[in-house]
C-alpha cells in the first residue's frame, strides 16, 4: 500500500474514533451534567497533548504541519 494510502486509512480510523468519543462525550454531558467539567477537562488534556505533539514534531523536523494546512479551507462556516 503506498504511503499516502496508508496515511489516509489511518486518518480515517482516527476520525472514526474521534466521532465515537465526541458522541460519547456529548451523551455523558447530556445525561450527567454534573460530569461536564470532567469531560471538558479530558478534552482539554487531549487537545493540548495533540497540539503540543504536532508543534514539537514540527520543530524537530522543520516541517510545520500547522503552516502547511489551510485552516480557511477546512474551518466550518
N, C-alpha and C. Protein backbone atom coordinates (compact mmCIF):
# COMPACT_ATOMS: atom_id res chain seq x y z
N UNK A 1 0.85 -1.18 0.00
CA UNK A 1 0.00 0.00 0.00
C UNK A 1 0.90 1.25 0.00
N UNK A 2 0.70 2.15 -0.93
CA UNK A 2 1.51 3.37 -0.94
C UNK A 2 1.37 4.15 0.37
N UNK A 3 2.39 4.92 0.70
CA UNK A 3 2.41 5.64 1.97
C UNK A 3 1.20 6.55 2.16
N UNK A 4 0.79 7.25 1.11
CA UNK A 4 -0.35 8.16 1.27
C UNK A 4 -1.65 7.39 1.50
N UNK A 5 -1.77 6.23 0.91
CA UNK A 5 -2.98 5.42 1.14
C UNK A 5 -3.00 4.89 2.57
N UNK A 6 -1.85 4.50 3.07
CA UNK A 6 -1.76 4.05 4.46
C UNK A 6 -2.10 5.21 5.40
N UNK A 7 -1.59 6.38 5.10
CA UNK A 7 -1.88 7.57 5.90
C UNK A 7 -3.38 7.86 5.88
N UNK A 8 -3.98 7.80 4.69
CA UNK A 8 -5.42 8.04 4.55
C UNK A 8 -6.22 7.04 5.40
N UNK A 9 -5.84 5.78 5.35
CA UNK A 9 -6.54 4.75 6.12
C UNK A 9 -6.42 5.00 7.62
N UNK A 10 -5.24 5.39 8.07
CA UNK A 10 -5.04 5.65 9.50
C UNK A 10 -5.81 6.89 9.95
N UNK A 11 -5.85 7.92 9.09
CA UNK A 11 -6.63 9.11 9.43
C UNK A 11 -8.12 8.78 9.49
N UNK A 12 -8.59 7.92 8.60
CA UNK A 12 -9.99 7.50 8.64
C UNK A 12 -10.30 6.73 9.92
N UNK A 13 -9.37 5.87 10.34
CA UNK A 13 -9.54 5.16 11.60
C UNK A 13 -9.59 6.14 12.76
N UNK A 14 -8.67 7.08 12.76
CA UNK A 14 -8.62 8.09 13.83
C UNK A 14 -9.92 8.90 13.85
N UNK A 15 -10.42 9.27 12.68
CA UNK A 15 -11.66 10.04 12.61
C UNK A 15 -12.83 9.24 13.16
N UNK A 16 -12.84 7.95 12.89
CA UNK A 16 -13.90 7.09 13.45
C UNK A 16 -13.87 7.10 14.97
N UNK A 17 -12.68 7.01 15.54
CA UNK A 17 -12.54 7.06 17.00
C UNK A 17 -12.94 8.42 17.54
N UNK A 18 -12.54 9.48 16.85
CA UNK A 18 -12.90 10.84 17.28
C UNK A 18 -14.43 11.00 17.29
N UNK A 19 -15.08 10.51 16.25
CA UNK A 19 -16.56 10.60 16.22
C UNK A 19 -17.18 9.87 17.41
N UNK A 20 -16.64 8.68 17.70
CA UNK A 20 -17.15 7.92 18.84
C UNK A 20 -17.01 8.69 20.15
N UNK A 21 -15.82 9.27 20.37
CA UNK A 21 -15.61 9.96 21.64
C UNK A 21 -16.35 11.29 21.71
N UNK A 22 -16.55 11.96 20.57
CA UNK A 22 -17.38 13.18 20.58
C UNK A 22 -18.80 12.80 20.96
N UNK A 23 -19.34 11.79 20.31
CA UNK A 23 -20.71 11.36 20.63
C UNK A 23 -20.82 10.90 22.08
N UNK A 24 -19.83 10.13 22.55
CA UNK A 24 -19.84 9.68 23.94
C UNK A 24 -19.74 10.83 24.92
N UNK A 25 -18.89 11.80 24.59
CA UNK A 25 -18.72 12.97 25.46
C UNK A 25 -20.02 13.75 25.58
N UNK A 26 -20.65 13.99 24.44
CA UNK A 26 -21.91 14.75 24.45
C UNK A 26 -23.01 13.99 25.18
N UNK A 27 -23.03 12.68 25.02
CA UNK A 27 -24.01 11.85 25.71
C UNK A 27 -23.84 11.96 27.23
N UNK A 28 -22.60 11.86 27.69
CA UNK A 28 -22.33 11.99 29.12
C UNK A 28 -22.77 13.37 29.61
N UNK A 29 -22.41 14.40 28.85
CA UNK A 29 -22.74 15.76 29.27
C UNK A 29 -24.25 16.00 29.30
N UNK A 30 -24.98 15.35 28.41
CA UNK A 30 -26.44 15.48 28.40
C UNK A 30 -27.10 14.69 29.52
N UNK A 31 -26.63 13.47 29.73
CA UNK A 31 -27.24 12.59 30.72
C UNK A 31 -26.75 12.84 32.14
N UNK A 32 -25.52 13.34 32.25
CA UNK A 32 -24.93 13.58 33.57
C UNK A 32 -24.25 14.95 33.59
N UNK A 33 -25.05 16.00 33.60
CA UNK A 33 -24.48 17.36 33.53
C UNK A 33 -23.43 17.64 34.60
N UNK A 34 -23.52 16.96 35.72
CA UNK A 34 -22.54 17.17 36.79
C UNK A 34 -21.15 16.68 36.40
N UNK A 35 -21.04 15.89 35.35
CA UNK A 35 -19.75 15.38 34.88
C UNK A 35 -19.21 16.18 33.69
N UNK A 36 -19.90 17.25 33.32
CA UNK A 36 -19.48 18.06 32.17
C UNK A 36 -18.08 18.62 32.34
N UNK A 37 -17.74 19.09 33.53
CA UNK A 37 -16.41 19.64 33.76
C UNK A 37 -15.34 18.56 33.59
N UNK A 38 -15.64 17.36 34.04
CA UNK A 38 -14.70 16.25 33.89
C UNK A 38 -14.46 15.94 32.42
N UNK A 39 -15.54 15.89 31.65
CA UNK A 39 -15.44 15.61 30.21
C UNK A 39 -14.67 16.74 29.52
N UNK A 40 -14.98 17.97 29.88
CA UNK A 40 -14.28 19.12 29.31
C UNK A 40 -12.79 19.04 29.61
N UNK A 41 -12.45 18.67 30.82
CA UNK A 41 -11.05 18.55 31.22
C UNK A 41 -10.33 17.47 30.40
N UNK A 42 -10.99 16.36 30.15
CA UNK A 42 -10.41 15.30 29.33
C UNK A 42 -10.13 15.80 27.92
N UNK A 43 -11.06 16.56 27.35
CA UNK A 43 -10.88 17.11 26.02
C UNK A 43 -9.75 18.13 26.00
N UNK A 44 -9.68 18.97 27.02
CA UNK A 44 -8.59 19.95 27.09
C UNK A 44 -7.24 19.25 27.15
N UNK A 45 -7.16 18.20 27.95
CA UNK A 45 -5.91 17.44 28.05
C UNK A 45 -5.54 16.81 26.70
N UNK A 46 -6.52 16.21 26.06
CA UNK A 46 -6.29 15.55 24.78
C UNK A 46 -5.83 16.56 23.72
N UNK A 47 -6.57 17.65 23.59
CA UNK A 47 -6.23 18.64 22.57
C UNK A 47 -4.88 19.29 22.84
N UNK A 48 -4.60 19.54 24.11
CA UNK A 48 -3.30 20.11 24.48
C UNK A 48 -2.17 19.16 24.08
N UNK A 49 -2.33 17.89 24.39
CA UNK A 49 -1.31 16.91 24.04
C UNK A 49 -1.15 16.79 22.52
N UNK A 50 -2.26 16.75 21.81
CA UNK A 50 -2.21 16.65 20.35
C UNK A 50 -1.50 17.85 19.74
N UNK A 51 -1.92 19.05 20.12
CA UNK A 51 -1.33 20.26 19.55
C UNK A 51 0.14 20.40 19.92
N UNK A 52 0.47 20.04 21.15
CA UNK A 52 1.87 20.09 21.59
C UNK A 52 2.73 19.10 20.80
N UNK A 53 2.18 17.93 20.54
CA UNK A 53 2.92 16.92 19.78
C UNK A 53 3.19 17.40 18.35
N UNK A 54 2.15 17.95 17.71
CA UNK A 54 2.33 18.45 16.34
C UNK A 54 3.37 19.56 16.32
N UNK A 55 3.30 20.47 17.29
CA UNK A 55 4.27 21.57 17.36
C UNK A 55 5.69 21.04 17.60
N UNK A 56 5.83 20.09 18.53
CA UNK A 56 7.14 19.51 18.85
C UNK A 56 7.74 18.82 17.63
N UNK A 57 6.94 18.00 16.96
CA UNK A 57 7.44 17.28 15.78
C UNK A 57 7.79 18.26 14.66
N UNK A 58 7.04 19.34 14.57
CA UNK A 58 7.35 20.36 13.58
C UNK A 58 8.72 20.98 13.82
N UNK A 59 9.01 21.24 15.09
CA UNK A 59 10.32 21.81 15.42
C UNK A 59 11.43 20.80 15.13
N UNK A 60 11.19 19.54 15.45
CA UNK A 60 12.19 18.50 15.23
C UNK A 60 12.49 18.27 13.74
N UNK A 61 11.46 18.34 12.93
CA UNK A 61 11.61 18.03 11.51
C UNK A 61 11.74 19.27 10.63
N UNK A 62 11.49 20.43 11.23
CA UNK A 62 11.47 21.70 10.49
C UNK A 62 10.41 21.72 9.40
N UNK A 63 9.36 20.95 9.61
CA UNK A 63 8.19 20.95 8.72
C UNK A 63 6.97 21.16 9.61
N UNK A 64 6.41 22.35 9.57
CA UNK A 64 5.29 22.69 10.43
C UNK A 64 3.97 22.32 9.76
N UNK A 65 3.34 21.29 10.29
CA UNK A 65 2.08 20.83 9.74
C UNK A 65 1.01 21.92 9.81
N UNK A 66 1.06 22.74 10.86
CA UNK A 66 0.06 23.80 11.03
C UNK A 66 0.18 24.87 9.94
N UNK A 67 1.37 25.16 9.49
CA UNK A 67 1.51 26.15 8.41
C UNK A 67 1.21 25.53 7.05
N UNK A 68 1.32 24.21 6.94
CA UNK A 68 1.04 23.54 5.68
C UNK A 68 -0.47 23.39 5.44
N UNK A 69 -1.24 23.33 6.52
CA UNK A 69 -2.69 23.14 6.41
C UNK A 69 -3.38 24.50 6.33
N UNK A 70 -4.27 24.65 5.36
CA UNK A 70 -5.04 25.89 5.24
C UNK A 70 -6.30 25.77 6.09
N UNK A 71 -6.29 26.46 7.22
CA UNK A 71 -7.44 26.38 8.11
C UNK A 71 -8.65 27.11 7.51
N UNK A 72 -8.44 28.02 6.61
CA UNK A 72 -9.56 28.67 5.91
C UNK A 72 -10.33 27.65 5.08
N UNK A 73 -9.61 26.70 4.50
CA UNK A 73 -10.27 25.67 3.67
C UNK A 73 -11.08 24.69 4.50
N UNK A 74 -10.64 24.42 5.72
CA UNK A 74 -11.26 23.35 6.49
C UNK A 74 -12.19 23.82 7.59
N UNK A 75 -12.06 25.08 8.02
CA UNK A 75 -12.88 25.57 9.13
C UNK A 75 -14.33 25.72 8.69
N UNK A 76 -15.28 25.13 9.43
CA UNK A 76 -16.69 25.25 9.05
C UNK A 76 -17.17 26.69 9.07
N UNK A 77 -18.00 27.02 8.12
CA UNK A 77 -18.54 28.39 8.03
C UNK A 77 -19.87 28.51 8.70
